[in-house]
Amino acid sequence: GNSTNKGRAILNEQGATVNVIDCSFDNLLHTSSGAAIENWGNITIKNSTFSNNQAHVGGAIEHRGPSMRIKSSTFSDNKGNYGGAINLYTPYVVPTIIEATKFFRNIADQLAGAIRSEHGDLEVNESTFEKNAAVVYYGGAIAQSVGRLALSNNAFVENDDKNGAGAVYLRSSGGSCQMQGNSFT
């Protein structure tokens, strides 16, 4: 795998647009954030896999840009302290949209086994979250803080945290959550 303190597979700067289609990101390590992708611009990800990546924040992806859309992709066995697979910090009007995507066995040592979203809007549709975990705090699958979370027709299966929010954890004031047609087992 690749290991670096200065870069990762993709670093997308502000103002740039990247399309990631039919790509694999495996066994990447970064000591800071987003072992596979750090995004400060606009990004679309389709039909791609992220497996066994590790970073301090956002094991596979760190997103701080104005827009990100992920469709028909898989995140498995990624690890981060915050956001095992994806960490979002997006104080923008445009929501991050994730559709028809699978999250399996991602682990956060602290918060949000699969996705941590802070200060932004997140929409997740027709996706699967299975056996993701937050080891110390909350949000086995998703942790949302200060922003809008919309979950539609997703399956949450055997996600875990040590404090009682195995699937979804909503943190802080100023946020909202809308759920429709989701299953939790």
N, C-alpha and C. Protein backbone atom coordinates (compact mmCIF):
# COMPACT_ATOMS: atom_id res chain seq x y z
N GLY A 1 0.81 -1.19 0.00
CA GLY A 1 0.00 0.00 0.00
C GLY A 1 0.85 1.25 0.00
N ASN A 2 0.23 2.37 -0.28
CA ASN A 2 0.92 3.65 -0.25
C ASN A 2 0.79 4.27 1.13
N SER A 3 1.83 4.91 1.60
CA SER A 3 1.83 5.57 2.89
C SER A 3 2.50 6.92 2.74
N THR A 4 1.87 7.97 3.27
CA THR A 4 2.44 9.30 3.13
C THR A 4 1.92 10.24 4.19
N ASN A 5 2.70 11.25 4.52
CA ASN A 5 2.25 12.31 5.40
C ASN A 5 1.86 13.55 4.59
N LYS A 6 2.23 13.61 3.33
CA LYS A 6 2.03 14.80 2.51
C LYS A 6 0.95 14.64 1.45
N GLY A 7 0.53 13.46 1.14
CA GLY A 7 -0.45 13.28 0.08
C GLY A 7 -1.20 11.99 0.24
N ARG A 8 -2.06 11.71 -0.68
CA ARG A 8 -2.85 10.48 -0.68
C ARG A 8 -3.12 10.15 -2.13
N ALA A 9 -3.99 9.22 -2.42
CA ALA A 9 -4.26 8.87 -3.81
C ALA A 9 -4.76 10.08 -4.60
N ILE A 10 -5.73 10.83 -4.03
CA ILE A 10 -6.26 12.02 -4.71
C ILE A 10 -6.39 13.16 -3.71
N LEU A 11 -5.84 14.32 -4.06
CA LEU A 11 -6.06 15.56 -3.32
C LEU A 11 -6.70 16.54 -4.30
N ASN A 12 -7.97 16.86 -4.07
CA ASN A 12 -8.71 17.76 -4.96
C ASN A 12 -8.83 19.12 -4.28
N GLU A 13 -8.17 20.13 -4.85
CA GLU A 13 -8.14 21.47 -4.27
C GLU A 13 -9.42 22.25 -4.57
N GLN A 14 -9.60 23.38 -3.86
CA GLN A 14 -10.75 24.25 -4.05
C GLN A 14 -10.84 24.71 -5.50
N GLY A 15 -12.07 24.72 -6.01
CA GLY A 15 -12.31 25.19 -7.36
C GLY A 15 -12.17 24.12 -8.43
N ALA A 16 -11.62 22.97 -8.08
CA ALA A 16 -11.44 21.89 -9.05
C ALA A 16 -12.62 20.92 -8.99
N THR A 17 -12.84 20.19 -10.08
CA THR A 17 -13.88 19.17 -10.15
C THR A 17 -13.26 17.86 -10.59
N VAL A 18 -13.58 16.79 -9.86
CA VAL A 18 -13.03 15.46 -10.16
C VAL A 18 -14.18 14.47 -10.29
N ASN A 19 -14.10 13.59 -11.29
CA ASN A 19 -15.02 12.45 -11.44
C ASN A 19 -14.21 11.18 -11.24
N VAL A 20 -14.62 10.37 -10.27
CA VAL A 20 -13.95 9.11 -9.97
C VAL A 20 -14.93 7.99 -10.35
N ILE A 21 -14.60 7.22 -11.39
CA ILE A 21 -15.52 6.19 -11.90
C ILE A 21 -14.76 4.88 -12.06
N ASP A 22 -15.34 3.79 -11.52
CA ASP A 22 -14.77 2.45 -11.65
C ASP A 22 -13.33 2.38 -11.13
N CYS A 23 -13.09 2.93 -9.94
CA CYS A 23 -11.75 2.92 -9.35
C CYS A 23 -11.74 2.11 -8.05
N SER A 24 -10.56 1.62 -7.68
CA SER A 24 -10.36 0.90 -6.42
C SER A 24 -9.28 1.60 -5.61
N PHE A 25 -9.56 1.78 -4.32
CA PHE A 25 -8.61 2.38 -3.39
C PHE A 25 -8.44 1.40 -2.24
N ASP A 26 -7.30 0.72 -2.19
CA ASP A 26 -7.10 -0.35 -1.22
C ASP A 26 -5.80 -0.17 -0.46
N ASN A 27 -5.85 -0.45 0.86
CA ASN A 27 -4.66 -0.52 1.71
C ASN A 27 -3.85 0.77 1.73
N LEU A 28 -4.53 1.91 1.74
CA LEU A 28 -3.85 3.20 1.80
C LEU A 28 -3.80 3.69 3.25
N LEU A 29 -2.73 4.39 3.60
CA LEU A 29 -2.53 4.88 4.96
C LEU A 29 -2.10 6.34 4.91
N HIS A 30 -2.76 7.18 5.74
CA HIS A 30 -2.36 8.58 5.87
C HIS A 30 -2.47 8.96 7.33
N THR A 31 -1.48 9.68 7.86
CA THR A 31 -1.48 10.01 9.28
C THR A 31 -2.46 11.12 9.64
N SER A 32 -2.96 11.85 8.66
CA SER A 32 -3.88 12.94 8.95
C SER A 32 -5.31 12.59 8.52
N SER A 33 -5.67 12.87 7.27
CA SER A 33 -7.07 12.69 6.87
C SER A 33 -7.19 12.15 5.45
N GLY A 34 -8.24 11.35 5.25
CA GLY A 34 -8.57 10.85 3.92
C GLY A 34 -7.46 10.10 3.23
N ALA A 35 -7.24 8.85 3.62
CA ALA A 35 -6.15 8.05 3.03
C ALA A 35 -6.31 7.89 1.52
N ALA A 36 -7.53 7.79 1.04
CA ALA A 36 -7.76 7.64 -0.41
C ALA A 36 -7.97 9.00 -1.08
N ILE A 37 -8.89 9.80 -0.51
CA ILE A 37 -9.24 11.08 -1.14
C ILE A 37 -9.41 12.16 -0.07
N GLU A 38 -8.79 13.31 -0.31
CA GLU A 38 -9.11 14.52 0.44
C GLU A 38 -9.67 15.52 -0.56
N ASN A 39 -10.91 15.95 -0.33
CA ASN A 39 -11.61 16.79 -1.30
C ASN A 39 -11.96 18.15 -0.72
N TRP A 40 -11.48 19.20 -1.39
CA TRP A 40 -11.82 20.59 -1.06
C TRP A 40 -12.62 21.23 -2.19
N GLY A 41 -12.85 20.49 -3.26
CA GLY A 41 -13.57 21.02 -4.42
C GLY A 41 -14.88 20.28 -4.63
N ASN A 42 -15.17 19.94 -5.87
CA ASN A 42 -16.38 19.21 -6.23
C ASN A 42 -15.96 17.82 -6.72
N ILE A 43 -16.68 16.80 -6.24
CA ILE A 43 -16.30 15.45 -6.61
C ILE A 43 -17.53 14.57 -6.79
N THR A 44 -17.48 13.71 -7.79
CA THR A 44 -18.48 12.67 -8.02
C THR A 44 -17.76 11.34 -8.04
N ILE A 45 -18.28 10.38 -7.28
CA ILE A 45 -17.68 9.04 -7.19
C ILE A 45 -18.75 8.03 -7.58
N LYS A 46 -18.44 7.16 -8.57
CA LYS A 46 -19.40 6.14 -9.02
C LYS A 46 -18.69 4.80 -9.19
N ASN A 47 -19.40 3.74 -8.82
CA ASN A 47 -18.93 2.37 -9.06
C ASN A 47 -17.49 2.15 -8.61
N SER A 48 -17.15 2.64 -7.44
CA SER A 48 -15.78 2.52 -6.94
C SER A 48 -15.77 1.82 -5.59
N THR A 49 -14.61 1.26 -5.23
CA THR A 49 -14.46 0.55 -3.95
C THR A 49 -13.34 1.17 -3.13
N PHE A 50 -13.58 1.20 -1.83
CA PHE A 50 -12.63 1.71 -0.85
C PHE A 50 -12.49 0.64 0.22
N SER A 51 -11.34 0.02 0.30
CA SER A 51 -11.17 -1.11 1.21
C SER A 51 -9.87 -1.03 1.99
N ASN A 52 -9.98 -1.22 3.31
CA ASN A 52 -8.82 -1.33 4.19
C ASN A 52 -7.92 -0.10 4.15
N ASN A 53 -8.54 1.08 4.13
CA ASN A 53 -7.79 2.33 4.18
C ASN A 53 -7.84 2.87 5.61
N GLN A 54 -6.82 3.66 5.98
CA GLN A 54 -6.77 4.15 7.36
C GLN A 54 -6.17 5.55 7.42
N ALA A 55 -6.86 6.44 8.17
CA ALA A 55 -6.38 7.80 8.43
C ALA A 55 -6.92 8.25 9.78
N HIS A 56 -6.33 9.29 10.34
CA HIS A 56 -6.80 9.81 11.62
C HIS A 56 -8.27 10.24 11.53
N VAL A 57 -8.60 11.00 10.49
CA VAL A 57 -9.97 11.47 10.27
C VAL A 57 -10.40 11.05 8.87
N GLY A 58 -11.54 10.38 8.77
CA GLY A 58 -12.01 9.91 7.46
C GLY A 58 -11.10 8.85 6.89
N GLY A 59 -11.27 7.62 7.34
CA GLY A 59 -10.39 6.53 6.93
C GLY A 59 -10.14 6.45 5.44
N ALA A 60 -11.19 6.61 4.63
CA ALA A 60 -11.06 6.58 3.17
C ALA A 60 -11.15 7.98 2.57
N ILE A 61 -12.16 8.77 3.00
CA ILE A 61 -12.40 10.09 2.40
C ILE A 61 -12.56 11.17 3.46
N GLU A 62 -11.88 12.28 3.25
CA GLU A 62 -12.11 13.53 4.00
C GLU A 62 -12.70 14.52 3.00
N HIS A 63 -13.92 15.01 3.28
CA HIS A 63 -14.60 15.93 2.36
C HIS A 63 -14.85 17.25 3.06
N ARG A 64 -14.30 18.34 2.51
CA ARG A 64 -14.51 19.68 3.03
C ARG A 64 -14.93 20.65 1.93
N GLY A 65 -15.26 20.13 0.78
CA GLY A 65 -15.60 20.97 -0.37
C GLY A 65 -17.07 21.29 -0.47
N PRO A 66 -17.44 22.05 -1.51
CA PRO A 66 -18.83 22.44 -1.68
C PRO A 66 -19.76 21.31 -2.13
N SER A 67 -19.25 20.29 -2.86
CA SER A 67 -20.18 19.22 -3.26
C SER A 67 -19.47 17.88 -3.41
N MET A 68 -20.18 16.84 -2.97
CA MET A 68 -19.72 15.47 -3.16
C MET A 68 -20.95 14.60 -3.38
N ARG A 69 -20.87 13.74 -4.39
CA ARG A 69 -21.93 12.78 -4.68
C ARG A 69 -21.28 11.42 -4.86
N ILE A 70 -21.79 10.42 -4.13
CA ILE A 70 -21.27 9.05 -4.22
C ILE A 70 -22.43 8.15 -4.62
N LYS A 71 -22.21 7.31 -5.65
CA LYS A 71 -23.27 6.41 -6.11
C LYS A 71 -22.69 5.04 -6.43
N SER A 72 -23.42 4.01 -6.03
CA SER A 72 -23.10 2.61 -6.38
C SER A 72 -21.65 2.25 -6.07
N SER A 73 -21.21 2.58 -4.88
CA SER A 73 -19.84 2.29 -4.46
C SER A 73 -19.85 1.48 -3.18
N THR A 74 -18.68 0.96 -2.79
CA THR A 74 -18.56 0.12 -1.59
C THR A 74 -17.40 0.59 -0.73
N PHE A 75 -17.67 0.71 0.58
CA PHE A 75 -16.66 1.05 1.58
C PHE A 75 -16.60 -0.10 2.57
N SER A 76 -15.46 -0.78 2.65
CA SER A 76 -15.34 -1.90 3.58
C SER A 76 -14.01 -1.88 4.32
N ASP A 77 -14.07 -2.20 5.62
CA ASP A 77 -12.88 -2.38 6.46
C ASP A 77 -11.97 -1.16 6.50
N ASN A 78 -12.55 0.04 6.42
CA ASN A 78 -11.77 1.27 6.57
C ASN A 78 -11.76 1.67 8.03
N LYS A 79 -10.76 2.47 8.43
CA LYS A 79 -10.62 2.82 9.84
C LYS A 79 -10.13 4.25 10.01
N GLY A 80 -10.75 4.97 10.96
CA GLY A 80 -10.32 6.31 11.33
C GLY A 80 -10.76 6.59 12.75
N ASN A 81 -10.17 7.56 13.40
CA ASN A 81 -10.62 7.93 14.74
C ASN A 81 -12.01 8.54 14.68
N TYR A 82 -12.25 9.38 13.67
CA TYR A 82 -13.55 10.02 13.45
C TYR A 82 -13.95 9.76 12.00
N GLY A 83 -15.06 9.08 11.81
CA GLY A 83 -15.48 8.72 10.46
C GLY A 83 -14.65 7.58 9.90
N GLY A 84 -15.03 6.35 10.24
CA GLY A 84 -14.25 5.19 9.79
C GLY A 84 -14.07 5.13 8.29
N ALA A 85 -15.12 5.44 7.53
CA ALA A 85 -15.03 5.46 6.07
C ALA A 85 -14.93 6.89 5.53
N ILE A 86 -15.85 7.76 5.98
CA ILE A 86 -15.94 9.12 5.44
C ILE A 86 -16.10 10.13 6.57
N ASN A 87 -15.36 11.24 6.47
CA ASN A 87 -15.55 12.37 7.37
C ASN A 87 -15.95 13.58 6.52
N LEU A 88 -17.07 14.21 6.89
CA LEU A 88 -17.58 15.38 6.16
C LEU A 88 -17.56 16.59 7.09
N TYR A 89 -16.98 17.66 6.64
CA TYR A 89 -17.06 18.94 7.34
C TYR A 89 -17.35 19.97 6.26
N THR A 90 -18.63 20.25 6.06
CA THR A 90 -19.04 20.98 4.86
C THR A 90 -20.07 22.07 5.18
N PRO A 91 -19.63 23.25 5.54
CA PRO A 91 -20.58 24.33 5.83
C PRO A 91 -21.10 25.00 4.56
N TYR A 92 -21.58 24.21 3.60
CA TYR A 92 -22.07 24.73 2.32
C TYR A 92 -23.56 24.42 2.17
N VAL A 93 -24.21 25.13 1.26
CA VAL A 93 -25.64 24.95 1.02
C VAL A 93 -25.92 23.63 0.30
N VAL A 94 -25.04 23.20 -0.60
CA VAL A 94 -25.25 21.99 -1.39
C VAL A 94 -25.04 20.76 -0.50
N PRO A 95 -26.02 19.85 -0.41
CA PRO A 95 -25.83 18.67 0.43
C PRO A 95 -24.89 17.64 -0.20
N THR A 96 -24.26 16.86 0.66
CA THR A 96 -23.53 15.68 0.22
C THR A 96 -24.58 14.60 -0.02
N ILE A 97 -24.53 13.92 -1.17
CA ILE A 97 -25.53 12.91 -1.51
C ILE A 97 -24.84 11.57 -1.72
N ILE A 98 -25.34 10.55 -1.02
CA ILE A 98 -24.82 9.19 -1.14
C ILE A 98 -25.99 8.29 -1.51
N GLU A 99 -25.85 7.53 -2.63
CA GLU A 99 -26.94 6.70 -3.12
C GLU A 99 -26.45 5.30 -3.46
N ALA A 100 -27.26 4.30 -3.14
CA ALA A 100 -27.01 2.91 -3.54
C ALA A 100 -25.58 2.49 -3.24
N THR A 101 -25.13 2.81 -2.05
CA THR A 101 -23.75 2.53 -1.64
C THR A 101 -23.74 1.63 -0.42
N LYS A 102 -22.71 0.78 -0.30
CA LYS A 102 -22.61 -0.19 0.79
C LYS A 102 -21.45 0.17 1.71
N PHE A 103 -21.73 0.10 3.02
CA PHE A 103 -20.72 0.34 4.05
C PHE A 103 -20.65 -0.90 4.94
N PHE A 104 -19.54 -1.63 4.87
CA PHE A 104 -19.38 -2.86 5.64
C PHE A 104 -18.15 -2.79 6.54
N ARG A 105 -18.31 -3.12 7.81
CA ARG A 105 -17.20 -3.33 8.76
C ARG A 105 -16.22 -2.16 8.83
N ASN A 106 -16.70 -0.95 8.71
CA ASN A 106 -15.84 0.22 8.91
C ASN A 106 -15.81 0.53 10.40
N ILE A 107 -14.68 1.02 10.89
CA ILE A 107 -14.51 1.23 12.33
C ILE A 107 -13.97 2.63 12.60
N ALA A 108 -14.59 3.31 13.57
CA ALA A 108 -14.05 4.56 14.10
C ALA A 108 -13.63 4.30 15.54
N ASP A 109 -12.40 4.64 15.87
CA ASP A 109 -11.95 4.48 17.25
C ASP A 109 -12.76 5.37 18.19
N GLN A 110 -13.22 6.53 17.71
CA GLN A 110 -13.95 7.46 18.55
C GLN A 110 -15.42 7.59 18.15
N LEU A 111 -15.71 8.18 16.98
CA LEU A 111 -17.06 8.59 16.62
C LEU A 111 -17.37 8.27 15.16
N ALA A 112 -18.51 7.65 14.90
CA ALA A 112 -19.05 7.42 13.55
C ALA A 112 -18.32 6.34 12.77
N GLY A 113 -18.76 5.11 12.93
CA GLY A 113 -18.14 3.98 12.26
C GLY A 113 -18.05 4.10 10.76
N ALA A 114 -19.11 4.57 10.10
CA ALA A 114 -19.10 4.71 8.64
C ALA A 114 -18.94 6.17 8.22
N ILE A 115 -19.88 7.05 8.64
CA ILE A 115 -19.88 8.45 8.18
C ILE A 115 -20.04 9.41 9.35
N ARG A 116 -19.12 10.36 9.43
CA ARG A 116 -19.27 11.49 10.36
C ARG A 116 -19.54 12.73 9.53
N SER A 117 -20.61 13.44 9.85
CA SER A 117 -20.98 14.66 9.14
C SER A 117 -21.14 15.79 10.14
N GLU A 118 -20.40 16.88 9.91
CA GLU A 118 -20.45 18.01 10.83
C GLU A 118 -20.60 19.31 10.04
N HIS A 119 -21.55 20.13 10.46
CA HIS A 119 -21.79 21.45 9.87
C HIS A 119 -22.22 21.40 8.42
N GLY A 120 -22.86 20.34 7.98
CA GLY A 120 -23.31 20.27 6.59
C GLY A 120 -24.54 19.40 6.47
N ASP A 121 -25.12 19.39 5.29
CA ASP A 121 -26.29 18.57 5.01
C ASP A 121 -25.87 17.28 4.33
N LEU A 122 -26.46 16.18 4.78
CA LEU A 122 -26.14 14.85 4.25
C LEU A 122 -27.43 14.14 3.89
N GLU A 123 -27.51 13.63 2.65
CA GLU A 123 -28.64 12.81 2.20
C GLU A 123 -28.10 11.43 1.83
N VAL A 124 -28.70 10.38 2.42
CA VAL A 124 -28.29 9.01 2.11
C VAL A 124 -29.54 8.24 1.70
N ASN A 125 -29.49 7.65 0.49
CA ASN A 125 -30.65 6.95 -0.07
C ASN A 125 -30.26 5.55 -0.55
N GLU A 126 -31.13 4.58 -0.27
CA GLU A 126 -31.02 3.22 -0.80
C GLU A 126 -29.62 2.62 -0.60
N SER A 127 -29.08 2.83 0.59
CA SER A 127 -27.74 2.32 0.91
C SER A 127 -27.81 1.33 2.05
N THR A 128 -26.74 0.57 2.24
CA THR A 128 -26.67 -0.45 3.28
C THR A 128 -25.51 -0.16 4.22
N PHE A 129 -25.79 -0.23 5.52
CA PHE A 129 -24.78 -0.08 6.56
C PHE A 129 -24.80 -1.35 7.40
N GLU A 130 -23.73 -2.13 7.33
CA GLU A 130 -23.71 -3.40 8.03
C GLU A 130 -22.41 -3.59 8.80
N LYS A 131 -22.56 -3.87 10.11
CA LYS A 131 -21.45 -4.20 11.01
C LYS A 131 -20.38 -3.12 11.07
N ASN A 132 -20.81 -1.85 11.03
CA ASN A 132 -19.91 -0.74 11.27
C ASN A 132 -19.90 -0.46 12.76
N ALA A 133 -18.83 0.14 13.28
CA ALA A 133 -18.74 0.34 14.73
C ALA A 133 -17.98 1.60 15.10
N ALA A 134 -18.46 2.25 16.17
CA ALA A 134 -17.73 3.31 16.85
C ALA A 134 -17.28 2.73 18.18
N VAL A 135 -15.99 2.63 18.40
CA VAL A 135 -15.45 1.88 19.53
C VAL A 135 -15.66 2.59 20.86
N VAL A 136 -15.40 3.91 20.94
CA VAL A 136 -15.46 4.61 22.22
C VAL A 136 -16.75 5.39 22.41
N TYR A 137 -17.19 6.13 21.39
CA TYR A 137 -18.33 7.01 21.58
C TYR A 137 -19.56 6.57 20.79
N TYR A 138 -20.08 7.42 19.92
CA TYR A 138 -21.40 7.22 19.35
C TYR A 138 -21.39 7.03 17.83
N GLY A 139 -22.52 6.53 17.34
CA GLY A 139 -22.76 6.45 15.91
C GLY A 139 -22.10 5.27 15.25
N GLY A 140 -22.63 4.08 15.49
CA GLY A 140 -22.07 2.89 14.84
C GLY A 140 -22.02 3.02 13.34
N ALA A 141 -23.05 3.61 12.73
CA ALA A 141 -23.07 3.84 11.28
C ALA A 141 -22.83 5.31 10.95
N ILE A 142 -23.67 6.22 11.50
CA ILE A 142 -23.61 7.64 11.15
C ILE A 142 -23.67 8.49 12.40
N ALA A 143 -22.85 9.55 12.44
CA ALA A 143 -22.96 10.59 13.46
C ALA A 143 -23.11 11.93 12.74
N GLN A 144 -24.16 12.67 13.07
CA GLN A 144 -24.46 13.96 12.43
C GLN A 144 -24.47 15.05 13.48
N SER A 145 -23.79 16.16 13.21
CA SER A 145 -23.75 17.30 14.12
C SER A 145 -23.96 18.59 13.35
N VAL A 146 -24.89 19.41 13.80
CA VAL A 146 -25.16 20.73 13.25
C VAL A 146 -25.33 20.69 11.73
N GLY A 147 -26.48 20.28 11.29
CA GLY A 147 -26.78 20.20 9.86
C GLY A 147 -28.01 19.34 9.66
N ARG A 148 -28.40 19.15 8.43
CA ARG A 148 -29.59 18.36 8.12
C ARG A 148 -29.17 16.98 7.65
N LEU A 149 -29.82 15.97 8.21
CA LEU A 149 -29.60 14.59 7.81
C LEU A 149 -30.90 14.04 7.26
N ALA A 150 -30.86 13.50 6.04
CA ALA A 150 -32.04 12.89 5.42
C ALA A 150 -31.69 11.46 5.04
N LEU A 151 -32.41 10.50 5.60
CA LEU A 151 -32.17 9.07 5.35
C LEU A 151 -33.42 8.47 4.73
N SER A 152 -33.27 7.85 3.56
CA SER A 152 -34.42 7.30 2.86
C SER A 152 -34.10 5.91 2.30
N ASN A 153 -34.91 4.93 2.70
CA ASN A 153 -34.85 3.56 2.16
C ASN A 153 -33.47 2.91 2.32
N ASN A 154 -32.87 3.08 3.50
CA ASN A 154 -31.58 2.47 3.81
C ASN A 154 -31.78 1.28 4.73
N ALA A 155 -30.82 0.36 4.72
CA ALA A 155 -30.82 -0.79 5.63
C ALA A 155 -29.66 -0.64 6.60
N PHE A 156 -29.96 -0.67 7.90
CA PHE A 156 -28.96 -0.62 8.96
C PHE A 156 -28.97 -1.96 9.67
N VAL A 157 -27.87 -2.71 9.57
CA VAL A 157 -27.81 -4.08 10.07
C VAL A 157 -26.62 -4.24 11.01
N GLU A 158 -26.89 -4.55 12.27
CA GLU A 158 -25.86 -4.91 13.25
C GLU A 158 -24.73 -3.90 13.35
N ASN A 159 -25.07 -2.61 13.35
CA ASN A 159 -24.07 -1.58 13.63
C ASN A 159 -23.99 -1.39 15.13
N ASP A 160 -22.84 -0.91 15.64
CA ASP A 160 -22.63 -0.92 17.08
C ASP A 160 -21.82 0.29 17.53
N ASP A 161 -22.18 0.80 18.70
CA ASP A 161 -21.31 1.69 19.44
C ASP A 161 -21.43 1.35 20.91
N LYS A 162 -20.58 1.90 21.72
CA LYS A 162 -20.54 1.52 23.13
C LYS A 162 -21.47 2.35 23.99
N ASN A 163 -22.20 3.32 23.40
CA ASN A 163 -23.03 4.22 24.20
C ASN A 163 -24.48 4.28 23.77
N GLY A 164 -24.94 3.37 22.94
CA GLY A 164 -26.36 3.25 22.69
C GLY A 164 -26.92 3.86 21.41
N ALA A 165 -26.07 4.29 20.48
CA ALA A 165 -26.57 4.80 19.19
C ALA A 165 -25.99 3.94 18.08
N GLY A 166 -26.36 2.68 18.07
CA GLY A 166 -25.77 1.72 17.15
C GLY A 166 -25.87 2.10 15.69
N ALA A 167 -26.98 2.71 15.28
CA ALA A 167 -27.13 3.07 13.86
C ALA A 167 -26.82 4.55 13.63
N VAL A 168 -27.62 5.44 14.21
CA VAL A 168 -27.51 6.87 13.92
C VAL A 168 -27.44 7.67 15.21
N TYR A 169 -26.50 8.59 15.28
CA TYR A 169 -26.35 9.48 16.43
C TYR A 169 -26.46 10.92 15.95
N LEU A 170 -27.39 11.68 16.54
CA LEU A 170 -27.57 13.09 16.23
C LEU A 170 -27.01 13.89 17.39
N ARG A 171 -26.08 14.79 17.09
CA ARG A 171 -25.34 15.48 18.13
C ARG A 171 -25.50 16.99 17.99
N SER A 172 -25.64 17.68 19.09
CA SER A 172 -25.61 19.13 19.17
C SER A 172 -26.93 19.74 18.69
N SER A 173 -27.08 21.02 18.95
CA SER A 173 -28.29 21.73 18.53
C SER A 173 -28.10 22.29 17.12
N GLY A 174 -29.19 22.72 16.53
CA GLY A 174 -29.12 23.33 15.21
C GLY A 174 -29.20 22.35 14.07
N GLY A 175 -29.45 21.09 14.35
CA GLY A 175 -29.54 20.09 13.30
C GLY A 175 -30.94 19.53 13.18
N SER A 176 -31.19 18.80 12.11
CA SER A 176 -32.48 18.15 11.94
C SER A 176 -32.26 16.81 11.24
N CYS A 177 -33.24 15.93 11.40
CA CYS A 177 -33.15 14.62 10.77
C CYS A 177 -34.52 14.22 10.23
N GLN A 178 -34.53 13.73 9.00
CA GLN A 178 -35.74 13.20 8.39
C GLN A 178 -35.44 11.77 7.97
N MET A 179 -36.27 10.83 8.41
CA MET A 179 -36.10 9.42 8.06
C MET A 179 -37.37 8.90 7.42
N GLN A 180 -37.19 8.14 6.33
CA GLN A 180 -38.35 7.55 5.66
C GLN A 180 -37.95 6.21 5.04
N GLY A 181 -38.70 5.16 5.37
CA GLY A 181 -38.54 3.86 4.74
C GLY A 181 -37.25 3.13 5.05
N ASN A 182 -36.61 3.44 6.18
CA ASN A 182 -35.37 2.76 6.57
C ASN A 182 -35.68 1.53 7.40
N SER A 183 -34.78 0.54 7.39
CA SER A 183 -34.94 -0.63 8.26
C SER A 183 -33.73 -0.72 9.18
N PHE A 184 -34.00 -1.11 10.44
CA PHE A 184 -32.97 -1.23 11.46
C PHE A 184 -33.07 -2.62 12.08
N THR A 185 -32.01 -3.42 11.95
CA THR A 185 -32.01 -4.75 12.56
C THR A 185 -30.70 -4.99 13.26
